[in-house]
Amino acid sequence: MSDWIEIGHIEDIPRLGSRVVKTKEGDIAIFRTGQDKIHALLDKCPHKGGPLSQGIVHGDQVTCPLHDWKIQLASGEALAPDEGCTRSYRVRVKEGTIFLMV
């Protein structure tokens, strides 16, 4: 069964930054873009499992800190020439509060 869980306020995450939420499914990285869009990905790069939450957010992407793979925040897809995907999660923001579907 999936549920929306409250994980905090948008201001808790710096622009171009991230936070990690620990769940029974594993660590989920919550990202905030420079345009205040919120995205959630499993905190594992599809390449070697690097912590995406420690990567650099730019535009609508995050660069893995281990091997420079670029991952689309909305889908979890690696950008060419790399191939692979990490799981993405649904998020919503209501009155500044972030909710995550797990």
N, C-alpha and C. Protein backbone atom coordinates (compact mmCIF):
# COMPACT_ATOMS: atom_id res chain seq x y z
N MET A 1 0.84 -1.18 0.00
CA MET A 1 0.00 0.00 0.00
C MET A 1 0.89 1.25 0.00
N SER A 2 0.57 2.19 -0.83
CA SER A 2 1.33 3.44 -0.92
C SER A 2 0.62 4.54 -0.14
N ASP A 3 1.43 5.38 0.49
CA ASP A 3 0.88 6.48 1.27
C ASP A 3 1.69 7.74 1.02
N TRP A 4 1.04 8.89 1.14
CA TRP A 4 1.74 10.17 1.12
C TRP A 4 2.27 10.42 2.53
N ILE A 5 3.56 10.73 2.64
CA ILE A 5 4.11 11.08 3.93
C ILE A 5 4.66 12.50 3.86
N GLU A 6 4.46 13.23 4.94
CA GLU A 6 4.99 14.59 5.03
C GLU A 6 6.47 14.50 5.37
N ILE A 7 7.30 15.22 4.61
CA ILE A 7 8.74 15.12 4.87
C ILE A 7 9.38 16.45 5.23
N GLY A 8 8.64 17.53 5.23
CA GLY A 8 9.21 18.81 5.63
C GLY A 8 8.75 19.94 4.73
N HIS A 9 9.40 21.07 4.89
CA HIS A 9 9.06 22.26 4.13
C HIS A 9 10.06 22.49 3.01
N ILE A 10 9.61 23.12 1.96
CA ILE A 10 10.49 23.39 0.81
C ILE A 10 11.71 24.20 1.25
N GLU A 11 11.54 25.08 2.23
CA GLU A 11 12.66 25.90 2.70
C GLU A 11 13.73 25.07 3.43
N ASP A 12 13.38 23.83 3.83
CA ASP A 12 14.35 22.96 4.49
C ASP A 12 15.43 22.46 3.54
N ILE A 13 15.16 22.56 2.25
CA ILE A 13 16.12 22.12 1.23
C ILE A 13 16.63 23.35 0.50
N PRO A 14 17.93 23.58 0.49
CA PRO A 14 18.44 24.75 -0.23
C PRO A 14 18.22 24.60 -1.74
N ARG A 15 18.07 25.73 -2.43
CA ARG A 15 17.99 25.67 -3.90
C ARG A 15 19.25 24.98 -4.41
N LEU A 16 19.06 24.11 -5.41
CA LEU A 16 20.14 23.31 -6.00
C LEU A 16 20.74 22.35 -4.97
N GLY A 17 19.92 21.93 -4.02
CA GLY A 17 20.39 21.03 -2.98
C GLY A 17 19.48 19.82 -2.83
N SER A 18 19.75 19.04 -1.80
CA SER A 18 18.97 17.83 -1.56
C SER A 18 18.96 17.49 -0.07
N ARG A 19 18.07 16.59 0.28
CA ARG A 19 17.98 16.00 1.60
C ARG A 19 17.67 14.51 1.40
N VAL A 20 18.01 13.70 2.39
CA VAL A 20 17.74 12.27 2.31
C VAL A 20 16.66 11.91 3.31
N VAL A 21 15.70 11.11 2.85
CA VAL A 21 14.65 10.57 3.69
C VAL A 21 14.87 9.07 3.77
N LYS A 22 14.96 8.55 4.97
CA LYS A 22 15.14 7.11 5.16
C LYS A 22 13.76 6.46 5.21
N THR A 23 13.56 5.46 4.36
CA THR A 23 12.29 4.73 4.32
C THR A 23 12.58 3.23 4.33
N LYS A 24 11.54 2.45 4.46
CA LYS A 24 11.72 0.99 4.43
C LYS A 24 12.16 0.53 3.03
N GLU A 25 11.95 1.37 2.02
CA GLU A 25 12.38 1.05 0.66
C GLU A 25 13.84 1.42 0.42
N GLY A 26 14.43 2.12 1.38
CA GLY A 26 15.80 2.59 1.23
C GLY A 26 15.85 4.11 1.31
N ASP A 27 17.03 4.66 1.14
CA ASP A 27 17.20 6.11 1.19
C ASP A 27 16.66 6.74 -0.09
N ILE A 28 15.87 7.80 0.10
CA ILE A 28 15.30 8.55 -1.03
C ILE A 28 15.83 9.97 -0.95
N ALA A 29 16.40 10.42 -2.06
CA ALA A 29 16.94 11.78 -2.15
C ALA A 29 15.85 12.71 -2.66
N ILE A 30 15.63 13.80 -1.93
CA ILE A 30 14.66 14.82 -2.32
C ILE A 30 15.47 16.02 -2.81
N PHE A 31 15.23 16.45 -4.04
CA PHE A 31 16.00 17.51 -4.68
C PHE A 31 15.14 18.75 -4.88
N ARG A 32 15.76 19.92 -4.78
CA ARG A 32 15.11 21.20 -5.08
C ARG A 32 15.92 21.90 -6.15
N THR A 33 15.28 22.22 -7.26
CA THR A 33 15.98 22.89 -8.35
C THR A 33 16.04 24.40 -8.08
N GLY A 34 16.74 25.11 -8.93
CA GLY A 34 16.82 26.56 -8.84
C GLY A 34 15.49 27.23 -9.07
N GLN A 35 14.54 26.52 -9.72
CA GLN A 35 13.20 27.05 -9.96
C GLN A 35 12.19 26.52 -8.96
N ASP A 36 12.70 25.97 -7.84
CA ASP A 36 11.87 25.44 -6.75
C ASP A 36 11.03 24.23 -7.12
N LYS A 37 11.42 23.49 -8.15
CA LYS A 37 10.77 22.21 -8.45
C LYS A 37 11.35 21.17 -7.49
N ILE A 38 10.49 20.27 -7.02
CA ILE A 38 10.90 19.22 -6.10
C ILE A 38 10.81 17.87 -6.81
N HIS A 39 11.87 17.07 -6.67
CA HIS A 39 11.92 15.73 -7.28
C HIS A 39 12.45 14.76 -6.24
N ALA A 40 12.10 13.47 -6.42
CA ALA A 40 12.58 12.44 -5.51
C ALA A 40 13.08 11.24 -6.29
N LEU A 41 14.28 10.78 -5.94
CA LEU A 41 14.90 9.62 -6.57
C LEU A 41 15.47 8.70 -5.51
N LEU A 42 15.50 7.41 -5.81
CA LEU A 42 16.24 6.49 -4.97
C LEU A 42 17.68 7.01 -4.92
N ASP A 43 18.27 7.04 -3.76
CA ASP A 43 19.58 7.67 -3.59
C ASP A 43 20.72 6.75 -4.05
N LYS A 44 20.57 6.19 -5.26
CA LYS A 44 21.59 5.31 -5.82
C LYS A 44 21.70 5.56 -7.32
N CYS A 45 22.88 5.93 -7.76
CA CYS A 45 23.13 6.08 -9.20
C CYS A 45 22.98 4.72 -9.87
N PRO A 46 22.39 4.67 -11.07
CA PRO A 46 22.24 3.38 -11.76
C PRO A 46 23.57 2.78 -12.21
N HIS A 47 24.63 3.54 -12.16
CA HIS A 47 25.94 3.05 -12.60
C HIS A 47 26.58 2.15 -11.56
N LYS A 48 26.98 2.72 -10.43
CA LYS A 48 27.67 1.95 -9.38
C LYS A 48 27.06 2.20 -7.99
N GLY A 49 25.86 2.77 -7.97
CA GLY A 49 25.18 2.97 -6.70
C GLY A 49 25.63 4.18 -5.90
N GLY A 50 26.29 5.13 -6.55
CA GLY A 50 26.76 6.34 -5.86
C GLY A 50 25.61 7.12 -5.25
N PRO A 51 25.87 7.88 -4.19
CA PRO A 51 24.83 8.65 -3.50
C PRO A 51 24.46 9.92 -4.28
N LEU A 52 23.37 9.87 -5.01
CA LEU A 52 22.96 11.02 -5.82
C LEU A 52 22.70 12.25 -4.97
N SER A 53 22.30 12.06 -3.71
CA SER A 53 22.04 13.19 -2.82
C SER A 53 23.29 14.02 -2.58
N GLN A 54 24.46 13.48 -2.82
CA GLN A 54 25.71 14.20 -2.65
C GLN A 54 26.22 14.79 -3.96
N GLY A 55 25.42 14.65 -5.02
CA GLY A 55 25.81 15.18 -6.33
C GLY A 55 25.48 16.64 -6.48
N ILE A 56 25.84 17.17 -7.64
CA ILE A 56 25.59 18.58 -7.96
C ILE A 56 24.31 18.69 -8.77
N VAL A 57 23.37 19.51 -8.28
CA VAL A 57 22.11 19.75 -8.99
C VAL A 57 22.32 20.92 -9.94
N HIS A 58 21.93 20.74 -11.20
CA HIS A 58 22.03 21.80 -12.21
C HIS A 58 20.88 21.62 -13.17
N GLY A 59 20.13 22.71 -13.37
CA GLY A 59 18.93 22.61 -14.21
C GLY A 59 17.98 21.59 -13.60
N ASP A 60 17.56 20.61 -14.41
CA ASP A 60 16.69 19.52 -13.95
C ASP A 60 17.45 18.21 -13.90
N GLN A 61 18.73 18.29 -13.54
CA GLN A 61 19.59 17.10 -13.49
C GLN A 61 20.42 17.11 -12.21
N VAL A 62 20.95 15.93 -11.89
CA VAL A 62 21.95 15.82 -10.82
C VAL A 62 23.11 15.03 -11.40
N THR A 63 24.32 15.44 -11.04
CA THR A 63 25.52 14.72 -11.48
C THR A 63 26.01 13.86 -10.32
N CYS A 64 26.16 12.57 -10.58
CA CYS A 64 26.64 11.65 -9.55
C CYS A 64 28.04 12.05 -9.12
N PRO A 65 28.30 12.06 -7.80
CA PRO A 65 29.61 12.48 -7.32
C PRO A 65 30.72 11.47 -7.58
N LEU A 66 30.38 10.23 -7.91
CA LEU A 66 31.42 9.22 -8.10
C LEU A 66 32.01 9.20 -9.51
N HIS A 67 31.15 9.16 -10.52
CA HIS A 67 31.66 8.97 -11.88
C HIS A 67 31.06 9.94 -12.90
N ASP A 68 30.49 11.05 -12.43
CA ASP A 68 30.03 12.13 -13.30
C ASP A 68 28.85 11.76 -14.21
N TRP A 69 28.09 10.73 -13.87
CA TRP A 69 26.89 10.44 -14.64
C TRP A 69 25.86 11.52 -14.36
N LYS A 70 25.15 11.94 -15.39
CA LYS A 70 24.10 12.93 -15.26
C LYS A 70 22.74 12.23 -15.31
N ILE A 71 21.91 12.51 -14.30
CA ILE A 71 20.63 11.83 -14.14
C ILE A 71 19.51 12.87 -14.17
N GLN A 72 18.48 12.60 -14.98
CA GLN A 72 17.30 13.47 -15.04
C GLN A 72 16.54 13.35 -13.71
N LEU A 73 16.26 14.48 -13.08
CA LEU A 73 15.57 14.46 -11.80
C LEU A 73 14.12 13.99 -11.92
N ALA A 74 13.45 14.31 -13.01
CA ALA A 74 12.04 13.95 -13.15
C ALA A 74 11.83 12.46 -13.38
N SER A 75 12.74 11.82 -14.10
CA SER A 75 12.54 10.43 -14.50
C SER A 75 13.53 9.44 -13.89
N GLY A 76 14.69 9.91 -13.45
CA GLY A 76 15.73 9.01 -12.98
C GLY A 76 16.58 8.43 -14.09
N GLU A 77 16.32 8.82 -15.34
CA GLU A 77 17.06 8.31 -16.50
C GLU A 77 18.43 8.96 -16.61
N ALA A 78 19.43 8.15 -16.94
CA ALA A 78 20.77 8.65 -17.22
C ALA A 78 20.77 9.31 -18.59
N LEU A 79 21.56 10.37 -18.72
CA LEU A 79 21.69 11.05 -20.01
C LEU A 79 22.75 10.37 -20.86
N ALA A 80 22.52 10.34 -22.17
CA ALA A 80 23.47 9.74 -23.11
C ALA A 80 24.82 10.44 -22.98
N PRO A 81 25.90 9.75 -23.14
CA PRO A 81 25.99 8.39 -23.68
C PRO A 81 25.76 7.31 -22.64
N ASP A 82 25.53 7.67 -21.37
CA ASP A 82 25.31 6.66 -20.34
C ASP A 82 23.89 6.12 -20.45
N GLU A 83 23.71 4.91 -19.92
CA GLU A 83 22.40 4.26 -19.97
C GLU A 83 22.07 3.67 -18.61
N GLY A 84 20.83 3.82 -18.22
CA GLY A 84 20.37 3.26 -16.95
C GLY A 84 19.33 4.17 -16.33
N CYS A 85 18.75 3.70 -15.26
CA CYS A 85 17.69 4.46 -14.61
C CYS A 85 17.65 4.11 -13.13
N THR A 86 17.40 5.10 -12.31
CA THR A 86 17.14 4.88 -10.90
C THR A 86 15.67 5.19 -10.66
N ARG A 87 15.12 4.61 -9.64
CA ARG A 87 13.69 4.78 -9.37
C ARG A 87 13.36 6.22 -8.99
N SER A 88 12.28 6.72 -9.55
CA SER A 88 11.77 8.04 -9.16
C SER A 88 10.51 7.85 -8.33
N TYR A 89 10.22 8.84 -7.50
CA TYR A 89 9.06 8.80 -6.61
C TYR A 89 8.20 10.03 -6.84
N ARG A 90 6.91 9.89 -6.61
CA ARG A 90 6.00 11.02 -6.73
C ARG A 90 6.15 11.94 -5.52
N VAL A 91 6.15 13.23 -5.79
CA VAL A 91 6.17 14.23 -4.73
C VAL A 91 5.14 15.30 -5.05
N ARG A 92 4.70 15.99 -4.04
CA ARG A 92 3.82 17.15 -4.23
C ARG A 92 4.15 18.16 -3.14
N VAL A 93 3.89 19.40 -3.46
CA VAL A 93 4.10 20.48 -2.50
C VAL A 93 2.76 21.17 -2.31
N LYS A 94 2.35 21.26 -1.06
CA LYS A 94 1.09 21.92 -0.73
C LYS A 94 1.36 22.94 0.36
N GLU A 95 1.15 24.23 0.03
CA GLU A 95 1.37 25.33 0.97
C GLU A 95 2.77 25.26 1.58
N GLY A 96 3.75 24.93 0.74
CA GLY A 96 5.14 24.90 1.17
C GLY A 96 5.60 23.62 1.83
N THR A 97 4.67 22.68 2.06
CA THR A 97 5.02 21.41 2.69
C THR A 97 5.19 20.35 1.60
N ILE A 98 6.28 19.57 1.71
CA ILE A 98 6.58 18.52 0.73
C ILE A 98 6.01 17.20 1.22
N PHE A 99 5.34 16.49 0.31
CA PHE A 99 4.82 15.16 0.58
C PHE A 99 5.42 14.19 -0.43
N LEU A 100 5.75 13.00 0.05
CA LEU A 100 6.36 11.96 -0.76
C LEU A 100 5.48 10.73 -0.76
N MET A 101 5.29 10.14 -1.94
CA MET A 101 4.50 8.90 -2.08
C MET A 101 5.44 7.71 -1.94
N VAL A 102 5.25 6.92 -0.88
CA VAL A 102 6.06 5.71 -0.68
C VAL A 102 5.16 4.51 -0.45
